mmCIF file of all heavy atoms, coordinates in Angstrom:
data_MODEL
# 
_entry.id   MODEL 
# 
loop_
_atom_site.group_PDB 
_atom_site.id 
_atom_site.type_symbol 
_atom_site.label_atom_id 
_atom_site.label_alt_id 
_atom_site.label_comp_id 
_atom_site.label_asym_id 
_atom_site.label_entity_id 
_atom_site.label_seq_id 
_atom_site.pdbx_PDB_ins_code 
_atom_site.Cartn_x 
_atom_site.Cartn_y 
_atom_site.Cartn_z 
_atom_site.occupancy 
_atom_site.B_iso_or_equiv 
_atom_site.pdbx_formal_charge 
_atom_site.auth_seq_id 
_atom_site.auth_comp_id 
_atom_site.auth_asym_id 
_atom_site.auth_atom_id 
_atom_site.pdbx_PDB_model_num 
ATOM 1   N N   . LEU A 1 1  ? 1.371  -9.361  -4.740  1.00 0.00 ? 1  LEU A N   1 
ATOM 2   C CA  . LEU A 1 1  ? 2.265  -8.296  -4.284  1.00 0.00 ? 1  LEU A CA  1 
ATOM 3   C C   . LEU A 1 1  ? 1.954  -6.996  -5.013  1.00 0.00 ? 1  LEU A C   1 
ATOM 4   O O   . LEU A 1 1  ? 2.002  -5.913  -4.408  1.00 0.00 ? 1  LEU A O   1 
ATOM 5   C CB  . LEU A 1 1  ? 3.725  -8.695  -4.499  1.00 0.00 ? 1  LEU A CB  1 
ATOM 6   C CG  . LEU A 1 1  ? 4.750  -7.682  -3.973  1.00 0.00 ? 1  LEU A CG  1 
ATOM 7   C CD1 . LEU A 1 1  ? 4.596  -7.485  -2.463  1.00 0.00 ? 1  LEU A CD1 1 
ATOM 8   C CD2 . LEU A 1 1  ? 6.182  -8.117  -4.303  1.00 0.00 ? 1  LEU A CD2 1 
ATOM 9   N N   . ARG A 1 2  ? 1.618  -7.084  -6.298  1.00 0.00 ? 2  ARG A N   1 
ATOM 10  C CA  . ARG A 1 2  ? 1.225  -5.873  -7.034  1.00 0.00 ? 2  ARG A CA  1 
ATOM 11  C C   . ARG A 1 2  ? 0.082  -5.162  -6.320  1.00 0.00 ? 2  ARG A C   1 
ATOM 12  O O   . ARG A 1 2  ? 0.125  -3.939  -6.110  1.00 0.00 ? 2  ARG A O   1 
ATOM 13  C CB  . ARG A 1 2  ? 0.800  -6.250  -8.454  1.00 0.00 ? 2  ARG A CB  1 
ATOM 14  C CG  . ARG A 1 2  ? 0.271  -5.060  -9.265  1.00 0.00 ? 2  ARG A CG  1 
ATOM 15  C CD  . ARG A 1 2  ? -0.504 -5.513  -10.494 1.00 0.00 ? 2  ARG A CD  1 
ATOM 16  N NE  . ARG A 1 2  ? -1.723 -6.243  -10.154 1.00 0.00 ? 2  ARG A NE  1 
ATOM 17  C CZ  . ARG A 1 2  ? -2.861 -5.673  -9.763  1.00 0.00 ? 2  ARG A CZ  1 
ATOM 18  N NH1 . ARG A 1 2  ? -2.938 -4.354  -9.619  1.00 0.00 ? 2  ARG A NH1 1 
ATOM 19  N NH2 . ARG A 1 2  ? -3.915 -6.418  -9.466  1.00 0.00 ? 2  ARG A NH2 1 
ATOM 20  N N   . ARG A 1 3  ? -0.951 -5.923  -5.927  1.00 0.00 ? 3  ARG A N   1 
ATOM 21  C CA  . ARG A 1 3  ? -2.099 -5.310  -5.256  1.00 0.00 ? 3  ARG A CA  1 
ATOM 22  C C   . ARG A 1 3  ? -1.708 -4.705  -3.916  1.00 0.00 ? 3  ARG A C   1 
ATOM 23  O O   . ARG A 1 3  ? -2.168 -3.604  -3.560  1.00 0.00 ? 3  ARG A O   1 
ATOM 24  C CB  . ARG A 1 3  ? -3.203 -6.352  -5.058  1.00 0.00 ? 3  ARG A CB  1 
ATOM 25  C CG  . ARG A 1 3  ? -3.843 -6.847  -6.341  1.00 0.00 ? 3  ARG A CG  1 
ATOM 26  C CD  . ARG A 1 3  ? -5.162 -7.571  -6.064  1.00 0.00 ? 3  ARG A CD  1 
ATOM 27  N NE  . ARG A 1 3  ? -5.020 -8.611  -5.036  1.00 0.00 ? 3  ARG A NE  1 
ATOM 28  C CZ  . ARG A 1 3  ? -4.705 -9.875  -5.298  1.00 0.00 ? 3  ARG A CZ  1 
ATOM 29  N NH1 . ARG A 1 3  ? -4.460 -10.248 -6.549  1.00 0.00 ? 3  ARG A NH1 1 
ATOM 30  N NH2 . ARG A 1 3  ? -4.624 -10.759 -4.333  1.00 0.00 ? 3  ARG A NH2 1 
ATOM 31  N N   . ARG A 1 4  ? -0.871 -5.393  -3.172  1.00 0.00 ? 4  ARG A N   1 
ATOM 32  C CA  . ARG A 1 4  ? -0.487 -4.882  -1.851  1.00 0.00 ? 4  ARG A CA  1 
ATOM 33  C C   . ARG A 1 4  ? 0.352  -3.605  -1.976  1.00 0.00 ? 4  ARG A C   1 
ATOM 34  O O   . ARG A 1 4  ? 0.201  -2.675  -1.173  1.00 0.00 ? 4  ARG A O   1 
ATOM 35  C CB  . ARG A 1 4  ? 0.271  -5.956  -1.074  1.00 0.00 ? 4  ARG A CB  1 
ATOM 36  C CG  . ARG A 1 4  ? -0.645 -7.071  -0.567  1.00 0.00 ? 4  ARG A CG  1 
ATOM 37  C CD  . ARG A 1 4  ? 0.082  -8.030  0.350   1.00 0.00 ? 4  ARG A CD  1 
ATOM 38  N NE  . ARG A 1 4  ? -0.832 -9.039  0.867   1.00 0.00 ? 4  ARG A NE  1 
ATOM 39  C CZ  . ARG A 1 4  ? -1.619 -8.887  1.925   1.00 0.00 ? 4  ARG A CZ  1 
ATOM 40  N NH1 . ARG A 1 4  ? -1.602 -7.735  2.581   1.00 0.00 ? 4  ARG A NH1 1 
ATOM 41  N NH2 . ARG A 1 4  ? -2.419 -9.861  2.330   1.00 0.00 ? 4  ARG A NH2 1 
ATOM 42  N N   . LEU A 1 5  ? 1.250  -3.557  -2.943  1.00 0.00 ? 5  LEU A N   1 
ATOM 43  C CA  . LEU A 1 5  ? 2.039  -2.342  -3.134  1.00 0.00 ? 5  LEU A CA  1 
ATOM 44  C C   . LEU A 1 5  ? 1.146  -1.167  -3.513  1.00 0.00 ? 5  LEU A C   1 
ATOM 45  O O   . LEU A 1 5  ? 1.365  -0.031  -3.074  1.00 0.00 ? 5  LEU A O   1 
ATOM 46  C CB  . LEU A 1 5  ? 3.097  -2.570  -4.214  1.00 0.00 ? 5  LEU A CB  1 
ATOM 47  C CG  . LEU A 1 5  ? 4.233  -3.540  -3.858  1.00 0.00 ? 5  LEU A CG  1 
ATOM 48  C CD1 . LEU A 1 5  ? 5.127  -3.796  -5.077  1.00 0.00 ? 5  LEU A CD1 1 
ATOM 49  C CD2 . LEU A 1 5  ? 5.068  -3.011  -2.699  1.00 0.00 ? 5  LEU A CD2 1 
ATOM 50  N N   . LYS A 1 6  ? 0.132  -1.443  -4.293  1.00 0.00 ? 6  LYS A N   1 
ATOM 51  C CA  . LYS A 1 6  ? -0.807 -0.396  -4.678  1.00 0.00 ? 6  LYS A CA  1 
ATOM 52  C C   . LYS A 1 6  ? -1.658 0.037   -3.487  1.00 0.00 ? 6  LYS A C   1 
ATOM 53  O O   . LYS A 1 6  ? -1.819 1.246   -3.228  1.00 0.00 ? 6  LYS A O   1 
ATOM 54  C CB  . LYS A 1 6  ? -1.703 -0.896  -5.816  1.00 0.00 ? 6  LYS A CB  1 
ATOM 55  C CG  . LYS A 1 6  ? -2.746 0.098   -6.300  1.00 0.00 ? 6  LYS A CG  1 
ATOM 56  C CD  . LYS A 1 6  ? -3.552 -0.486  -7.446  1.00 0.00 ? 6  LYS A CD  1 
ATOM 57  C CE  . LYS A 1 6  ? -4.582 0.513   -7.974  1.00 0.00 ? 6  LYS A CE  1 
ATOM 58  N NZ  . LYS A 1 6  ? -5.610 0.841   -6.958  1.00 0.00 ? 6  LYS A NZ  1 
ATOM 59  N N   . ASP A 1 7  ? -2.192 -0.938  -2.739  1.00 0.00 ? 7  ASP A N   1 
ATOM 60  C CA  . ASP A 1 7  ? -3.111 -0.621  -1.652  1.00 0.00 ? 7  ASP A CA  1 
ATOM 61  C C   . ASP A 1 7  ? -2.402 -0.051  -0.432  1.00 0.00 ? 7  ASP A C   1 
ATOM 62  O O   . ASP A 1 7  ? -2.915 0.879   0.214   1.00 0.00 ? 7  ASP A O   1 
ATOM 63  C CB  . ASP A 1 7  ? -3.892 -1.880  -1.249  1.00 0.00 ? 7  ASP A CB  1 
ATOM 64  C CG  . ASP A 1 7  ? -4.818 -2.375  -2.347  1.00 0.00 ? 7  ASP A CG  1 
ATOM 65  O OD1 . ASP A 1 7  ? -5.115 -1.599  -3.270  1.00 0.00 ? 7  ASP A OD1 1 
ATOM 66  O OD2 . ASP A 1 7  ? -5.225 -3.554  -2.285  1.00 0.00 ? 7  ASP A OD2 1 
ATOM 67  N N   . GLU A 1 8  ? -1.226 -0.599  -0.086  1.00 0.00 ? 8  GLU A N   1 
ATOM 68  C CA  . GLU A 1 8  ? -0.557 -0.196  1.148   1.00 0.00 ? 8  GLU A CA  1 
ATOM 69  C C   . GLU A 1 8  ? 0.403  0.978   0.956   1.00 0.00 ? 8  GLU A C   1 
ATOM 70  O O   . GLU A 1 8  ? 0.600  1.775   1.875   1.00 0.00 ? 8  GLU A O   1 
ATOM 71  C CB  . GLU A 1 8  ? 0.197  -1.383  1.748   1.00 0.00 ? 8  GLU A CB  1 
ATOM 72  C CG  . GLU A 1 8  ? -0.720 -2.530  2.168   1.00 0.00 ? 8  GLU A CG  1 
ATOM 73  C CD  . GLU A 1 8  ? 0.004  -3.597  2.969   1.00 0.00 ? 8  GLU A CD  1 
ATOM 74  O OE1 . GLU A 1 8  ? 0.985  -3.259  3.666   1.00 0.00 ? 8  GLU A OE1 1 
ATOM 75  O OE2 . GLU A 1 8  ? -0.414 -4.774  2.900   1.00 0.00 ? 8  GLU A OE2 1 
ATOM 76  N N   . LEU A 1 9  ? 1.020  1.082   -0.226  1.00 0.00 ? 9  LEU A N   1 
ATOM 77  C CA  . LEU A 1 9  ? 1.975  2.168   -0.459  1.00 0.00 ? 9  LEU A CA  1 
ATOM 78  C C   . LEU A 1 9  ? 1.464  3.187   -1.469  1.00 0.00 ? 9  LEU A C   1 
ATOM 79  O O   . LEU A 1 9  ? 2.074  4.251   -1.630  1.00 0.00 ? 9  LEU A O   1 
ATOM 80  C CB  . LEU A 1 9  ? 3.317  1.592   -0.938  1.00 0.00 ? 9  LEU A CB  1 
ATOM 81  C CG  . LEU A 1 9  ? 4.014  0.614   0.016   1.00 0.00 ? 9  LEU A CG  1 
ATOM 82  C CD1 . LEU A 1 9  ? 5.346  0.152   -0.587  1.00 0.00 ? 9  LEU A CD1 1 
ATOM 83  C CD2 . LEU A 1 9  ? 4.237  1.245   1.378   1.00 0.00 ? 9  LEU A CD2 1 
ATOM 84  N N   . GLY A 1 10 ? 0.357  2.870   -2.149  1.00 0.00 ? 10 GLY A N   1 
ATOM 85  C CA  . GLY A 1 10 ? -0.201 3.804   -3.118  1.00 0.00 ? 10 GLY A CA  1 
ATOM 86  C C   . GLY A 1 10 ? 0.597  3.908   -4.395  1.00 0.00 ? 10 GLY A C   1 
ATOM 87  O O   . GLY A 1 10 ? 0.526  4.918   -5.104  1.00 0.00 ? 10 GLY A O   1 
ATOM 88  N N   . TRP A 1 11 ? 1.347  2.862   -4.739  1.00 0.00 ? 11 TRP A N   1 
ATOM 89  C CA  . TRP A 1 11 ? 2.220  2.906   -5.901  1.00 0.00 ? 11 TRP A CA  1 
ATOM 90  C C   . TRP A 1 11 ? 1.499  2.484   -7.173  1.00 0.00 ? 11 TRP A C   1 
ATOM 91  O O   . TRP A 1 11 ? 0.564  1.684   -7.144  1.00 0.00 ? 11 TRP A O   1 
ATOM 92  C CB  . TRP A 1 11 ? 3.411  1.974   -5.689  1.00 0.00 ? 11 TRP A CB  1 
ATOM 93  C CG  . TRP A 1 11 ? 4.404  2.448   -4.664  1.00 0.00 ? 11 TRP A CG  1 
ATOM 94  C CD1 . TRP A 1 11 ? 4.332  3.575   -3.896  1.00 0.00 ? 11 TRP A CD1 1 
ATOM 95  C CD2 . TRP A 1 11 ? 5.619  1.796   -4.304  1.00 0.00 ? 11 TRP A CD2 1 
ATOM 96  N NE1 . TRP A 1 11 ? 5.432  3.665   -3.077  1.00 0.00 ? 11 TRP A NE1 1 
ATOM 97  C CE2 . TRP A 1 11 ? 6.246  2.582   -3.303  1.00 0.00 ? 11 TRP A CE2 1 
ATOM 98  C CE3 . TRP A 1 11 ? 6.241  0.622   -4.716  1.00 0.00 ? 11 TRP A CE3 1 
ATOM 99  C CZ2 . TRP A 1 11 ? 7.453  2.233   -2.710  1.00 0.00 ? 11 TRP A CZ2 1 
ATOM 100 C CZ3 . TRP A 1 11 ? 7.452  0.268   -4.145  1.00 0.00 ? 11 TRP A CZ3 1 
ATOM 101 C CH2 . TRP A 1 11 ? 8.053  1.059   -3.156  1.00 0.00 ? 11 TRP A CH2 1 
ATOM 102 N N   . GLU A 1 12 ? 1.990  3.009   -8.294  1.00 0.00 ? 12 GLU A N   1 
ATOM 103 C CA  . GLU A 1 12 ? 1.572  2.507   -9.605  1.00 0.00 ? 12 GLU A CA  1 
ATOM 104 C C   . GLU A 1 12 ? 2.377  1.240   -9.884  1.00 0.00 ? 12 GLU A C   1 
ATOM 105 O O   . GLU A 1 12 ? 3.606  1.277   -9.962  1.00 0.00 ? 12 GLU A O   1 
ATOM 106 C CB  . GLU A 1 12 ? 1.828  3.540   -10.705 1.00 0.00 ? 12 GLU A CB  1 
ATOM 107 C CG  . GLU A 1 12 ? 1.433  3.041   -12.089 1.00 0.00 ? 12 GLU A CG  1 
ATOM 108 C CD  . GLU A 1 12 ? 1.799  3.999   -13.197 1.00 0.00 ? 12 GLU A CD  1 
ATOM 109 O OE1 . GLU A 1 12 ? 1.940  5.200   -12.914 1.00 0.00 ? 12 GLU A OE1 1 
ATOM 110 O OE2 . GLU A 1 12 ? 1.960  3.533   -14.341 1.00 0.00 ? 12 GLU A OE2 1 
ATOM 111 N N   . THR A 1 13 ? 1.695  0.128   -10.019 1.00 0.00 ? 13 THR A N   1 
ATOM 112 C CA  . THR A 1 13 ? 2.378  -1.152  -10.146 1.00 0.00 ? 13 THR A CA  1 
ATOM 113 C C   . THR A 1 13 ? 1.800  -1.962  -11.295 1.00 0.00 ? 13 THR A C   1 
ATOM 114 O O   . THR A 1 13 ? 0.630  -1.800  -11.657 1.00 0.00 ? 13 THR A O   1 
ATOM 115 C CB  . THR A 1 13 ? 2.232  -1.992  -8.858  1.00 0.00 ? 13 THR A CB  1 
ATOM 116 O OG1 . THR A 1 13 ? 0.841  -2.190  -8.582  1.00 0.00 ? 13 THR A OG1 1 
ATOM 117 C CG2 . THR A 1 13 ? 2.886  -1.306  -7.675  1.00 0.00 ? 13 THR A CG2 1 
ATOM 118 N N   . LEU A 1 14 ? 2.611  -2.832  -11.862 1.00 0.00 ? 14 LEU A N   1 
ATOM 119 C CA  . LEU A 1 14 ? 2.124  -3.759  -12.875 1.00 0.00 ? 14 LEU A CA  1 
ATOM 120 C C   . LEU A 1 14 ? 2.996  -5.002  -12.896 1.00 0.00 ? 14 LEU A C   1 
ATOM 121 O O   . LEU A 1 14 ? 4.156  -4.989  -12.472 1.00 0.00 ? 14 LEU A O   1 
ATOM 122 C CB  . LEU A 1 14 ? 2.063  -3.109  -14.259 1.00 0.00 ? 14 LEU A CB  1 
ATOM 123 C CG  . LEU A 1 14 ? 3.357  -2.617  -14.906 1.00 0.00 ? 14 LEU A CG  1 
ATOM 124 C CD1 . LEU A 1 14 ? 4.048  -3.737  -15.681 1.00 0.00 ? 14 LEU A CD1 1 
ATOM 125 C CD2 . LEU A 1 14 ? 3.061  -1.463  -15.853 1.00 0.00 ? 14 LEU A CD2 1 
ATOM 126 N N   . VAL A 1 15 ? 2.414  -6.100  -13.387 1.00 0.00 ? 15 VAL A N   1 
ATOM 127 C CA  . VAL A 1 15 ? 3.128  -7.359  -13.576 1.00 0.00 ? 15 VAL A CA  1 
ATOM 128 C C   . VAL A 1 15 ? 3.382  -7.512  -15.071 1.00 0.00 ? 15 VAL A C   1 
ATOM 129 O O   . VAL A 1 15 ? 2.440  -7.709  -15.842 1.00 0.00 ? 15 VAL A O   1 
ATOM 130 C CB  . VAL A 1 15 ? 2.313  -8.552  -13.044 1.00 0.00 ? 15 VAL A CB  1 
ATOM 131 C CG1 . VAL A 1 15 ? 3.051  -9.864  -13.297 1.00 0.00 ? 15 VAL A CG1 1 
ATOM 132 C CG2 . VAL A 1 15 ? 2.017  -8.379  -11.565 1.00 0.00 ? 15 VAL A CG2 1 
ATOM 133 N N   . PRO A 1 16 ? 4.627  -7.406  -15.520 1.00 0.00 ? 16 PRO A N   1 
ATOM 134 C CA  . PRO A 1 16 ? 4.891  -7.452  -16.967 1.00 0.00 ? 16 PRO A CA  1 
ATOM 135 C C   . PRO A 1 16 ? 4.753  -8.856  -17.537 1.00 0.00 ? 16 PRO A C   1 
ATOM 136 O O   . PRO A 1 16 ? 4.975  -9.853  -16.851 1.00 0.00 ? 16 PRO A O   1 
ATOM 137 C CB  . PRO A 1 16 ? 6.334  -6.962  -17.068 1.00 0.00 ? 16 PRO A CB  1 
ATOM 138 C CG  . PRO A 1 16 ? 6.952  -7.335  -15.752 1.00 0.00 ? 16 PRO A CG  1 
ATOM 139 C CD  . PRO A 1 16 ? 5.855  -7.190  -14.737 1.00 0.00 ? 16 PRO A CD  1 
ATOM 140 N N   . ASP A 1 17 ? 4.381  -8.924  -18.806 1.00 0.00 ? 17 ASP A N   1 
ATOM 141 C CA  . ASP A 1 17 ? 4.364  -10.185 -19.538 1.00 0.00 ? 17 ASP A CA  1 
ATOM 142 C C   . ASP A 1 17 ? 5.772  -10.497 -20.038 1.00 0.00 ? 17 ASP A C   1 
ATOM 143 O O   . ASP A 1 17 ? 6.616  -9.598  -20.194 1.00 0.00 ? 17 ASP A O   1 
ATOM 144 C CB  . ASP A 1 17 ? 3.418  -10.101 -20.740 1.00 0.00 ? 17 ASP A CB  1 
ATOM 145 C CG  . ASP A 1 17 ? 1.970  -9.901  -20.332 1.00 0.00 ? 17 ASP A CG  1 
ATOM 146 O OD1 . ASP A 1 17 ? 1.596  -10.410 -19.251 1.00 0.00 ? 17 ASP A OD1 1 
ATOM 147 O OD2 . ASP A 1 17 ? 1.236  -9.238  -21.087 1.00 0.00 ? 17 ASP A OD2 1 
ATOM 148 N N   . HIS A 1 18 ? 6.001  -11.772 -20.327 1.00 0.00 ? 18 HIS A N   1 
ATOM 149 C CA  . HIS A 1 18 ? 7.288  -12.160 -20.890 1.00 0.00 ? 18 HIS A CA  1 
ATOM 150 C C   . HIS A 1 18 ? 7.515  -11.461 -22.231 1.00 0.00 ? 18 HIS A C   1 
ATOM 151 O O   . HIS A 1 18 ? 6.614  -11.373 -23.070 1.00 0.00 ? 18 HIS A O   1 
ATOM 152 C CB  . HIS A 1 18 ? 7.358  -13.675 -21.088 1.00 0.00 ? 18 HIS A CB  1 
ATOM 153 C CG  . HIS A 1 18 ? 8.638  -14.132 -21.699 1.00 0.00 ? 18 HIS A CG  1 
ATOM 154 N ND1 . HIS A 1 18 ? 9.846  -14.078 -21.024 1.00 0.00 ? 18 HIS A ND1 1 
ATOM 155 C CD2 . HIS A 1 18 ? 8.924  -14.642 -22.937 1.00 0.00 ? 18 HIS A CD2 1 
ATOM 156 C CE1 . HIS A 1 18 ? 10.799 -14.549 -21.803 1.00 0.00 ? 18 HIS A CE1 1 
ATOM 157 N NE2 . HIS A 1 18 ? 10.268 -14.889 -22.970 1.00 0.00 ? 18 HIS A NE2 1 
ATOM 158 N N   . ALA A 1 19 ? 8.714  -10.929 -22.411 1.00 0.00 ? 19 ALA A N   1 
ATOM 159 C CA  . ALA A 1 19 ? 9.154  -10.237 -23.628 1.00 0.00 ? 19 ALA A CA  1 
ATOM 160 C C   . ALA A 1 19 ? 8.489  -8.882  -23.832 1.00 0.00 ? 19 ALA A C   1 
ATOM 161 O O   . ALA A 1 19 ? 8.630  -8.281  -24.906 1.00 0.00 ? 19 ALA A O   1 
ATOM 162 C CB  . ALA A 1 19 ? 8.961  -11.111 -24.865 1.00 0.00 ? 19 ALA A CB  1 
ATOM 163 N N   . SER A 1 20 ? 7.771  -8.375  -22.826 1.00 0.00 ? 20 SER A N   1 
ATOM 164 C CA  . SER A 1 20 ? 7.149  -7.051  -22.954 1.00 0.00 ? 20 SER A CA  1 
ATOM 165 C C   . SER A 1 20 ? 8.184  -5.958  -22.696 1.00 0.00 ? 20 SER A C   1 
ATOM 166 O O   . SER A 1 20 ? 9.155  -6.154  -21.963 1.00 0.00 ? 20 SER A O   1 
ATOM 167 C CB  . SER A 1 20 ? 5.985  -6.906  -21.980 1.00 0.00 ? 20 SER A CB  1 
ATOM 168 O OG  . SER A 1 20 ? 6.423  -7.075  -20.638 1.00 0.00 ? 20 SER A OG  1 
ATOM 169 N N   . SER A 1 21 ? 7.971  -4.789  -23.314 1.00 0.00 ? 21 SER A N   1 
ATOM 170 C CA  . SER A 1 21 ? 8.881  -3.651  -23.183 1.00 0.00 ? 21 SER A CA  1 
ATOM 171 C C   . SER A 1 21 ? 8.120  -2.428  -22.702 1.00 0.00 ? 21 SER A C   1 
ATOM 172 O O   . SER A 1 21 ? 6.941  -2.239  -23.046 1.00 0.00 ? 21 SER A O   1 
ATOM 173 C CB  . SER A 1 21 ? 9.554  -3.330  -24.519 1.00 0.00 ? 21 SER A CB  1 
ATOM 174 O OG  . SER A 1 21 ? 10.381 -4.380  -24.950 1.00 0.00 ? 21 SER A OG  1 
ATOM 175 N N   . TYR A 1 22 ? 8.806  -1.578  -21.945 1.00 0.00 ? 22 TYR A N   1 
ATOM 176 C CA  . TYR A 1 22 ? 8.197  -0.369  -21.405 1.00 0.00 ? 22 TYR A CA  1 
ATOM 177 C C   . TYR A 1 22 ? 9.186  0.789   -21.529 1.00 0.00 ? 22 TYR A C   1 
ATOM 178 O O   . TYR A 1 22 ? 10.394 0.612   -21.325 1.00 0.00 ? 22 TYR A O   1 
ATOM 179 C CB  . TYR A 1 22 ? 7.819  -0.563  -19.929 1.00 0.00 ? 22 TYR A CB  1 
ATOM 180 C CG  . TYR A 1 22 ? 6.787  -1.642  -19.734 1.00 0.00 ? 22 TYR A CG  1 
ATOM 181 C CD1 . TYR A 1 22 ? 7.173  -2.969  -19.591 1.00 0.00 ? 22 TYR A CD1 1 
ATOM 182 C CD2 . TYR A 1 22 ? 5.429  -1.338  -19.734 1.00 0.00 ? 22 TYR A CD2 1 
ATOM 183 C CE1 . TYR A 1 22 ? 6.227  -3.975  -19.436 1.00 0.00 ? 22 TYR A CE1 1 
ATOM 184 C CE2 . TYR A 1 22 ? 4.474  -2.338  -19.577 1.00 0.00 ? 22 TYR A CE2 1 
ATOM 185 C CZ  . TYR A 1 22 ? 4.888  -3.650  -19.426 1.00 0.00 ? 22 TYR A CZ  1 
ATOM 186 O OH  . TYR A 1 22 ? 3.955  -4.641  -19.276 1.00 0.00 ? 22 TYR A OH  1 
ATOM 187 N N   . PRO A 1 23 ? 8.677  1.987   -21.857 1.00 0.00 ? 23 PRO A N   1 
ATOM 188 C CA  . PRO A 1 23 ? 9.567  3.150   -21.925 1.00 0.00 ? 23 PRO A CA  1 
ATOM 189 C C   . PRO A 1 23 ? 9.961  3.605   -20.528 1.00 0.00 ? 23 PRO A C   1 
ATOM 190 O O   . PRO A 1 23 ? 9.162  3.540   -19.582 1.00 0.00 ? 23 PRO A O   1 
ATOM 191 C CB  . PRO A 1 23 ? 8.714  4.197   -22.626 1.00 0.00 ? 23 PRO A CB  1 
ATOM 192 C CG  . PRO A 1 23 ? 7.306  3.817   -22.291 1.00 0.00 ? 23 PRO A CG  1 
ATOM 193 C CD  . PRO A 1 23 ? 7.296  2.314   -22.217 1.00 0.00 ? 23 PRO A CD  1 
ATOM 194 N N   . LEU A 1 24 ? 11.174 4.043   -20.388 1.00 0.00 ? 24 LEU A N   1 
ATOM 195 C CA  . LEU A 1 24 ? 11.661 4.685   -19.157 1.00 0.00 ? 24 LEU A CA  1 
ATOM 196 C C   . LEU A 1 24 ? 11.816 6.155   -19.496 1.00 0.00 ? 24 LEU A C   1 
ATOM 197 O O   . LEU A 1 24 ? 12.712 6.538   -20.268 1.00 0.00 ? 24 LEU A O   1 
ATOM 198 C CB  . LEU A 1 24 ? 12.991 4.071   -18.722 1.00 0.00 ? 24 LEU A CB  1 
ATOM 199 C CG  . LEU A 1 24 ? 12.986 2.549   -18.481 1.00 0.00 ? 24 LEU A CG  1 
ATOM 200 C CD1 . LEU A 1 24 ? 14.381 2.054   -18.143 1.00 0.00 ? 24 LEU A CD1 1 
ATOM 201 C CD2 . LEU A 1 24 ? 12.004 2.178   -17.373 1.00 0.00 ? 24 LEU A CD2 1 
ATOM 202 N N   . VAL A 1 25 ? 10.956 6.969   -18.945 1.00 0.00 ? 25 VAL A N   1 
ATOM 203 C CA  . VAL A 1 25 ? 10.850 8.361   -19.364 1.00 0.00 ? 25 VAL A CA  1 
ATOM 204 C C   . VAL A 1 25 ? 11.714 9.246   -18.469 1.00 0.00 ? 25 VAL A C   1 
ATOM 205 O O   . VAL A 1 25 ? 11.516 9.283   -17.247 1.00 0.00 ? 25 VAL A O   1 
ATOM 206 C CB  . VAL A 1 25 ? 9.377  8.833   -19.318 1.00 0.00 ? 25 VAL A CB  1 
ATOM 207 C CG1 . VAL A 1 25 ? 9.289  10.289  -19.762 1.00 0.00 ? 25 VAL A CG1 1 
ATOM 208 C CG2 . VAL A 1 25 ? 8.522  7.948   -20.215 1.00 0.00 ? 25 VAL A CG2 1 
# 
């Protein structure tokens, strides 16, 4: 699904690892 969202909608996508954190800017 990550690849399809990127290819079909042009979105920046990623699959997070368990316990990973990301900033919300």
